């Protein structure tokens, strides 16, 4: 196994991780910004107001994007298993 192969596998793993996490993070970010703007307009400074909508948004993103996320992770695992025979030497 060459250093270039290790770097390539690491880069691919990080890319897949970011892509799988991105929809949930973006949904949470959008809801968080929306609630922050609402709080700034109404001057309501309740810290717990953001938690429930963010949790619901992340759960919704998880439900919507779950098939795509599973497909991405399955493809990555298949690719890693396909690399195993080449790593022996």
N, C-alpha and C. Protein backbone atom coordinates (compact mmCIF):
# COMPACT_ATOMS: atom_id res chain seq x y z
N UNK A 1 0.85 -1.17 0.00
CA UNK A 1 0.00 0.00 0.00
C UNK A 1 0.90 1.23 0.00
N UNK A 2 0.72 2.06 -0.99
CA UNK A 2 1.57 3.24 -1.14
C UNK A 2 0.99 4.43 -0.36
N UNK A 3 1.82 5.40 -0.07
CA UNK A 3 1.31 6.60 0.60
C UNK A 3 0.24 7.33 -0.22
N UNK A 4 0.38 7.30 -1.53
CA UNK A 4 -0.61 7.94 -2.39
C UNK A 4 -1.97 7.25 -2.25
N UNK A 5 -1.96 5.93 -2.11
CA UNK A 5 -3.20 5.18 -1.95
C UNK A 5 -3.87 5.53 -0.62
N UNK A 6 -3.07 5.65 0.43
CA UNK A 6 -3.61 6.01 1.75
C UNK A 6 -4.23 7.40 1.71
N UNK A 7 -3.54 8.34 1.08
CA UNK A 7 -4.06 9.71 0.97
C UNK A 7 -5.35 9.71 0.14
N UNK A 8 -5.37 8.94 -0.93
CA UNK A 8 -6.56 8.87 -1.78
C UNK A 8 -7.75 8.29 -1.02
N UNK A 9 -7.51 7.23 -0.27
CA UNK A 9 -8.59 6.61 0.52
C UNK A 9 -9.07 7.58 1.60
N UNK A 10 -8.15 8.26 2.25
CA UNK A 10 -8.53 9.24 3.27
C UNK A 10 -9.33 10.39 2.69
N UNK A 11 -8.90 10.89 1.54
CA UNK A 11 -9.61 11.98 0.88
C UNK A 11 -11.02 11.55 0.50
N UNK A 12 -11.13 10.35 -0.06
CA UNK A 12 -12.45 9.84 -0.45
C UNK A 12 -13.35 9.64 0.77
N UNK A 13 -12.79 9.15 1.86
CA UNK A 13 -13.57 8.95 3.08
C UNK A 13 -14.08 10.29 3.62
N UNK A 14 -13.22 11.30 3.64
CA UNK A 14 -13.65 12.62 4.11
C UNK A 14 -14.71 13.24 3.19
N UNK A 15 -14.54 13.06 1.89
CA UNK A 15 -15.51 13.58 0.94
C UNK A 15 -16.88 12.94 1.14
N UNK A 16 -16.89 11.63 1.29
CA UNK A 16 -18.16 10.93 1.51
C UNK A 16 -18.79 11.36 2.83
N UNK A 17 -17.98 11.53 3.86
CA UNK A 17 -18.49 11.96 5.16
C UNK A 17 -19.14 13.33 5.07
N UNK A 18 -18.48 14.26 4.41
CA UNK A 18 -19.02 15.62 4.27
C UNK A 18 -20.30 15.59 3.43
N UNK A 19 -20.31 14.82 2.37
CA UNK A 19 -21.50 14.77 1.51
C UNK A 19 -22.68 14.14 2.23
N UNK A 20 -22.44 13.13 3.05
CA UNK A 20 -23.52 12.48 3.77
C UNK A 20 -24.06 13.38 4.88
N UNK A 21 -23.19 14.14 5.51
CA UNK A 21 -23.62 15.00 6.62
C UNK A 21 -24.21 16.33 6.14
N UNK A 22 -23.88 16.76 4.95
CA UNK A 22 -24.27 18.09 4.46
C UNK A 22 -25.77 18.36 4.48
N UNK A 23 -26.63 17.47 4.01
CA UNK A 23 -28.07 17.81 4.02
C UNK A 23 -28.60 18.10 5.42
N UNK A 24 -28.23 17.31 6.39
CA UNK A 24 -28.72 17.53 7.76
C UNK A 24 -28.15 18.83 8.33
N UNK A 25 -26.87 19.09 8.07
CA UNK A 25 -26.26 20.32 8.57
C UNK A 25 -26.88 21.55 7.92
N UNK A 26 -27.15 21.47 6.63
CA UNK A 26 -27.77 22.61 5.93
C UNK A 26 -29.19 22.87 6.42
N UNK A 27 -29.98 21.82 6.62
CA UNK A 27 -31.33 22.00 7.14
C UNK A 27 -31.27 22.65 8.52
N UNK A 28 -30.38 22.17 9.38
CA UNK A 28 -30.23 22.76 10.71
C UNK A 28 -29.77 24.21 10.65
N UNK A 29 -28.86 24.51 9.73
CA UNK A 29 -28.36 25.88 9.57
C UNK A 29 -29.47 26.82 9.11
N UNK A 30 -30.24 26.40 8.14
CA UNK A 30 -31.32 27.24 7.61
C UNK A 30 -32.36 27.52 8.69
N UNK A 31 -32.76 26.49 9.41
CA UNK A 31 -33.73 26.68 10.49
C UNK A 31 -33.14 27.56 11.58
N UNK A 32 -31.89 27.34 11.94
CA UNK A 32 -31.24 28.16 12.97
C UNK A 32 -31.18 29.63 12.59
N UNK A 33 -30.82 29.92 11.33
CA UNK A 33 -30.77 31.30 10.87
C UNK A 33 -32.16 31.93 10.85
N UNK A 34 -33.16 31.17 10.42
CA UNK A 34 -34.53 31.67 10.39
C UNK A 34 -35.01 32.02 11.79
N UNK A 35 -34.76 31.15 12.73
CA UNK A 35 -35.19 31.40 14.11
C UNK A 35 -34.40 32.56 14.72
N UNK A 36 -33.12 32.67 14.39
CA UNK A 36 -32.31 33.78 14.89
C UNK A 36 -32.84 35.12 14.38
N UNK A 37 -33.22 35.16 13.11
CA UNK A 37 -33.79 36.39 12.54
C UNK A 37 -35.11 36.70 13.22
N UNK A 38 -35.95 35.68 13.44
CA UNK A 38 -37.22 35.87 14.13
C UNK A 38 -37.00 36.39 15.55
N UNK A 39 -36.01 35.85 16.25
CA UNK A 39 -35.72 36.30 17.61
C UNK A 39 -35.19 37.74 17.62
N UNK A 40 -34.40 38.08 16.61
CA UNK A 40 -33.88 39.45 16.55
C UNK A 40 -34.99 40.45 16.26
N UNK A 41 -35.94 40.06 15.41
CA UNK A 41 -37.04 40.95 15.07
C UNK A 41 -37.97 41.15 16.27
N UNK A 42 -38.31 40.05 16.93
CA UNK A 42 -39.27 40.12 18.04
C UNK A 42 -38.61 40.37 19.39
N UNK A 43 -37.31 40.37 19.45
CA UNK A 43 -36.53 40.55 20.67
C UNK A 43 -36.86 39.50 21.73
N UNK A 44 -37.18 38.30 21.27
CA UNK A 44 -37.36 37.16 22.18
C UNK A 44 -36.00 36.48 22.29
N UNK A 45 -35.44 36.42 23.48
CA UNK A 45 -34.12 35.83 23.67
C UNK A 45 -34.23 34.52 24.45
N UNK A 46 -35.01 33.63 23.96
CA UNK A 46 -35.18 32.33 24.61
C UNK A 46 -34.20 31.35 23.98
N UNK A 47 -33.30 30.81 24.77
CA UNK A 47 -32.26 29.91 24.26
C UNK A 47 -32.84 28.57 23.79
N UNK A 48 -33.88 28.10 24.44
CA UNK A 48 -34.41 26.78 24.11
C UNK A 48 -35.33 26.79 22.90
N UNK A 49 -35.67 27.97 22.38
CA UNK A 49 -36.58 28.07 21.25
C UNK A 49 -36.02 27.42 19.99
N UNK A 50 -34.71 27.35 19.84
CA UNK A 50 -34.12 26.84 18.61
C UNK A 50 -33.98 25.32 18.59
N UNK A 51 -33.97 24.68 19.74
CA UNK A 51 -33.64 23.25 19.78
C UNK A 51 -34.67 22.37 19.08
N UNK A 52 -35.94 22.51 19.41
CA UNK A 52 -36.96 21.63 18.84
C UNK A 52 -37.09 21.79 17.33
N UNK A 53 -37.16 23.01 16.78
CA UNK A 53 -37.23 23.13 15.32
C UNK A 53 -35.99 22.57 14.61
N UNK A 54 -34.81 22.75 15.21
CA UNK A 54 -33.60 22.20 14.59
C UNK A 54 -33.62 20.68 14.59
N UNK A 55 -34.05 20.10 15.70
CA UNK A 55 -34.14 18.63 15.77
C UNK A 55 -35.13 18.11 14.74
N UNK A 56 -36.27 18.78 14.61
CA UNK A 56 -37.26 18.36 13.63
C UNK A 56 -36.74 18.52 12.20
N UNK A 57 -36.01 19.60 11.94
CA UNK A 57 -35.45 19.83 10.61
C UNK A 57 -34.41 18.78 10.26
N UNK A 58 -33.56 18.44 11.22
CA UNK A 58 -32.54 17.41 10.97
C UNK A 58 -33.20 16.05 10.76
N UNK A 59 -34.24 15.75 11.53
CA UNK A 59 -34.96 14.48 11.35
C UNK A 59 -35.64 14.44 9.99
N UNK A 60 -36.21 15.56 9.56
CA UNK A 60 -36.84 15.62 8.24
C UNK A 60 -35.80 15.42 7.14
N UNK A 61 -34.65 16.07 7.27
CA UNK A 61 -33.57 15.90 6.29
C UNK A 61 -33.11 14.45 6.26
N UNK A 62 -33.04 13.83 7.43
CA UNK A 62 -32.63 12.43 7.49
C UNK A 62 -33.63 11.54 6.77
N UNK A 63 -34.91 11.80 6.96
CA UNK A 63 -35.94 11.00 6.27
C UNK A 63 -35.90 11.21 4.76
N UNK A 64 -35.72 12.45 4.35
CA UNK A 64 -35.72 12.75 2.91
C UNK A 64 -34.49 12.18 2.22
N UNK A 65 -33.32 12.35 2.82
CA UNK A 65 -32.07 11.99 2.16
C UNK A 65 -31.53 10.62 2.54
N UNK A 66 -32.23 9.87 3.37
CA UNK A 66 -31.72 8.57 3.82
C UNK A 66 -31.40 7.60 2.67
N UNK A 67 -32.28 7.44 1.67
CA UNK A 67 -31.91 6.52 0.57
C UNK A 67 -30.63 6.94 -0.16
N UNK A 68 -30.48 8.22 -0.39
CA UNK A 68 -29.28 8.71 -1.06
C UNK A 68 -28.05 8.51 -0.19
N UNK A 69 -28.18 8.76 1.11
CA UNK A 69 -27.06 8.58 2.03
C UNK A 69 -26.63 7.12 2.11
N UNK A 70 -27.60 6.22 2.19
CA UNK A 70 -27.28 4.79 2.23
C UNK A 70 -26.59 4.37 0.93
N UNK A 71 -27.06 4.90 -0.18
CA UNK A 71 -26.45 4.58 -1.48
C UNK A 71 -25.00 5.07 -1.52
N UNK A 72 -24.75 6.28 -1.03
CA UNK A 72 -23.38 6.82 -1.01
C UNK A 72 -22.47 5.95 -0.14
N UNK A 73 -22.93 5.60 1.04
CA UNK A 73 -22.11 4.79 1.95
C UNK A 73 -21.90 3.38 1.42
N UNK A 74 -22.92 2.80 0.80
CA UNK A 74 -22.79 1.47 0.22
C UNK A 74 -21.78 1.47 -0.93
N UNK A 75 -21.85 2.49 -1.78
CA UNK A 75 -20.89 2.59 -2.89
C UNK A 75 -19.46 2.74 -2.36
N UNK A 76 -19.29 3.54 -1.31
CA UNK A 76 -17.97 3.71 -0.72
C UNK A 76 -17.45 2.39 -0.16
N UNK A 77 -18.30 1.66 0.55
CA UNK A 77 -17.88 0.36 1.12
C UNK A 77 -17.53 -0.63 0.02
N UNK A 78 -18.32 -0.66 -1.03
CA UNK A 78 -18.01 -1.56 -2.15
C UNK A 78 -16.67 -1.20 -2.78
N UNK A 79 -16.43 0.09 -2.92
CA UNK A 79 -15.15 0.53 -3.48
C UNK A 79 -13.99 0.11 -2.57
N UNK A 80 -14.16 0.25 -1.27
CA UNK A 80 -13.12 -0.14 -0.33
C UNK A 80 -12.87 -1.65 -0.38
N UNK A 81 -13.95 -2.45 -0.45
CA UNK A 81 -13.78 -3.90 -0.55
C UNK A 81 -13.10 -4.30 -1.87
N UNK A 82 -13.37 -3.54 -2.93
CA UNK A 82 -12.73 -3.84 -4.21
C UNK A 82 -11.23 -3.54 -4.16
N UNK A 83 -10.81 -2.63 -3.29
CA UNK A 83 -9.39 -2.28 -3.17
C UNK A 83 -8.59 -3.28 -2.35
N UNK A 84 -9.24 -4.13 -1.57
CA UNK A 84 -8.53 -5.03 -0.69
C UNK A 84 -7.53 -5.94 -1.40
N UNK A 85 -7.89 -6.57 -2.53
CA UNK A 85 -6.89 -7.45 -3.18
C UNK A 85 -5.63 -6.71 -3.62
N UNK A 86 -5.74 -5.44 -3.99
CA UNK A 86 -4.57 -4.66 -4.43
C UNK A 86 -3.70 -4.20 -3.28
N UNK A 87 -4.17 -4.29 -2.06
CA UNK A 87 -3.40 -3.81 -0.90
C UNK A 87 -2.42 -4.86 -0.38
N UNK A 88 -2.52 -6.09 -0.83
CA UNK A 88 -1.72 -7.16 -0.28
C UNK A 88 -0.22 -7.01 -0.59
N UNK A 89 0.09 -6.44 -1.70
CA UNK A 89 1.49 -6.41 -2.09
C UNK A 89 2.12 -5.14 -1.84
